[in-house]
Amino acid sequence: MSPPFLYENTNTHRPAQTAVTDSKSRHGRVTQYEHERIEASWRERALNAEEQKRN
């Protein structure tokens, strides 16, 4: 939907804004999950390297 359409049709503005907000929220959760997954992988590698260093 184009901005002019939303401004001309005020009854569509709220659902469109809600959809945008929901999409950003969903993207944020996926991005956070991916970051945590990668971080855990690096943490595990570091612990494995420390363990090998001790042996």
C-alpha atoms as a PDB file:
ATOM      1  CA  MET A   1       0.000   0.000   0.000  1.00  0.00           C
ATOM      2  CA  SER A   2       1.284   3.403  -0.872  1.00  0.00           C
ATOM      3  CA  PRO A   3       1.392   6.293   1.609  1.00  0.00           C
ATOM      4  CA  PRO A   4      -1.148   8.335  -0.412  1.00  0.00           C
ATOM      5  CA  PHE A   5      -3.574   5.413  -0.316  1.00  0.00           C
ATOM      6  CA  LEU A   6      -3.236   5.159   3.476  1.00  0.00           C
ATOM      7  CA  TYR A   7      -3.771   8.889   3.963  1.00  0.00           C
ATOM      8  CA  GLU A   8      -6.792   8.944   1.670  1.00  0.00           C
ATOM      9  CA  ASN A   9      -8.323   5.846   3.310  1.00  0.00           C
ATOM     10  CA  THR A  10      -8.040   6.476   7.031  1.00  0.00           C
ATOM     11  CA  ASN A  11      -9.790   3.222   7.934  1.00  0.00           C
ATOM     12  CA  THR A  12      -6.786   1.289   6.533  1.00  0.00           C
ATOM     13  CA  HIS A  13      -4.136   3.274   8.395  1.00  0.00           C
ATOM     14  CA  ARG A  14      -4.422   1.497  11.779  1.00  0.00           C
ATOM     15  CA  PRO A  15      -4.342  -2.107  10.396  1.00  0.00           C
ATOM     16  CA  ALA A  16      -1.392  -1.213   8.175  1.00  0.00           C
ATOM     17  CA  GLN A  17       0.488   0.359  11.094  1.00  0.00           C
ATOM     18  CA  THR A  18      -0.254  -2.686  13.249  1.00  0.00           C
ATOM     19  CA  ALA A  19       1.064  -4.991  10.520  1.00  0.00           C
ATOM     20  CA  VAL A  20       4.286  -2.972  10.246  1.00  0.00           C
ATOM     21  CA  THR A  21       4.771  -3.004  14.020  1.00  0.00           C
ATOM     22  CA  ASP A  22       4.126  -6.773  14.209  1.00  0.00           C
ATOM     23  CA  SER A  23       6.562  -7.394  11.379  1.00  0.00           C
ATOM     24  CA  LYS A  24       9.307  -5.365  13.064  1.00  0.00           C
ATOM     25  CA  SER A  25       8.687  -7.177  16.351  1.00  0.00           C
ATOM     26  CA  ARG A  26       8.860 -10.588  14.657  1.00  0.00           C
ATOM     27  CA  HIS A  27      12.050  -9.596  12.837  1.00  0.00           C
ATOM     28  CA  GLY A  28      13.565  -8.436  16.116  1.00  0.00           C
ATOM     29  CA  ARG A  29      12.830 -11.768  17.795  1.00  0.00           C
ATOM     30  CA  VAL A  30      14.322 -13.742  14.896  1.00  0.00           C
ATOM     31  CA  THR A  31      17.406 -11.525  14.867  1.00  0.00           C
ATOM     32  CA  GLN A  32      17.849 -11.899  18.641  1.00  0.00           C
ATOM     33  CA  TYR A  33      17.482 -15.692  18.418  1.00  0.00           C
ATOM     34  CA  GLU A  34      20.062 -15.855  15.616  1.00  0.00           C
ATOM     35  CA  HIS A  35      22.472 -13.667  17.596  1.00  0.00           C
ATOM     36  CA  GLU A  36      22.101 -15.892  20.678  1.00  0.00           C
ATOM     37  CA  ARG A  37      22.652 -19.033  18.593  1.00  0.00           C
ATOM     38  CA  ILE A  38      25.866 -17.667  17.078  1.00  0.00           C
ATOM     39  CA  GLU A  39      27.059 -16.386  20.460  1.00  0.00           C
ATOM     40  CA  ALA A  40      26.515 -19.830  22.025  1.00  0.00           C
ATOM     41  CA  SER A  41      28.506 -21.429  19.223  1.00  0.00           C
ATOM     42  CA  TRP A  42      31.471 -19.115  19.818  1.00  0.00           C
ATOM     43  CA  ARG A  43      31.227 -19.635  23.574  1.00  0.00           C
ATOM     44  CA  GLU A  44      31.354 -23.407  23.101  1.00  0.00           C
ATOM     45  CA  ARG A  45      34.370 -23.101  20.795  1.00  0.00           C
ATOM     46  CA  ALA A  46      36.188 -20.962  23.351  1.00  0.00           C
ATOM     47  CA  LEU A  47      35.497 -23.470  26.113  1.00  0.00           C
ATOM     48  CA  ASN A  48      36.688 -26.331  23.920  1.00  0.00           C
ATOM     49  CA  ALA A  49      39.878 -24.436  23.071  1.00  0.00           C
ATOM     50  CA  GLU A  50      40.562 -23.776  26.759  1.00  0.00           C
ATOM     51  CA  GLU A  51      40.002 -27.442  27.553  1.00  0.00           C
ATOM     52  CA  GLN A  52      42.411 -28.545  24.803  1.00  0.00           C
ATOM     53  CA  LYS A  53      44.966 -26.046  26.046  1.00  0.00           C
ATOM     54  CA  ARG A  54      44.880 -27.631  29.535  1.00  0.00           C
ATOM     55  CA  ASN A  55      45.457 -31.137  28.149  1.00  0.00           C
END
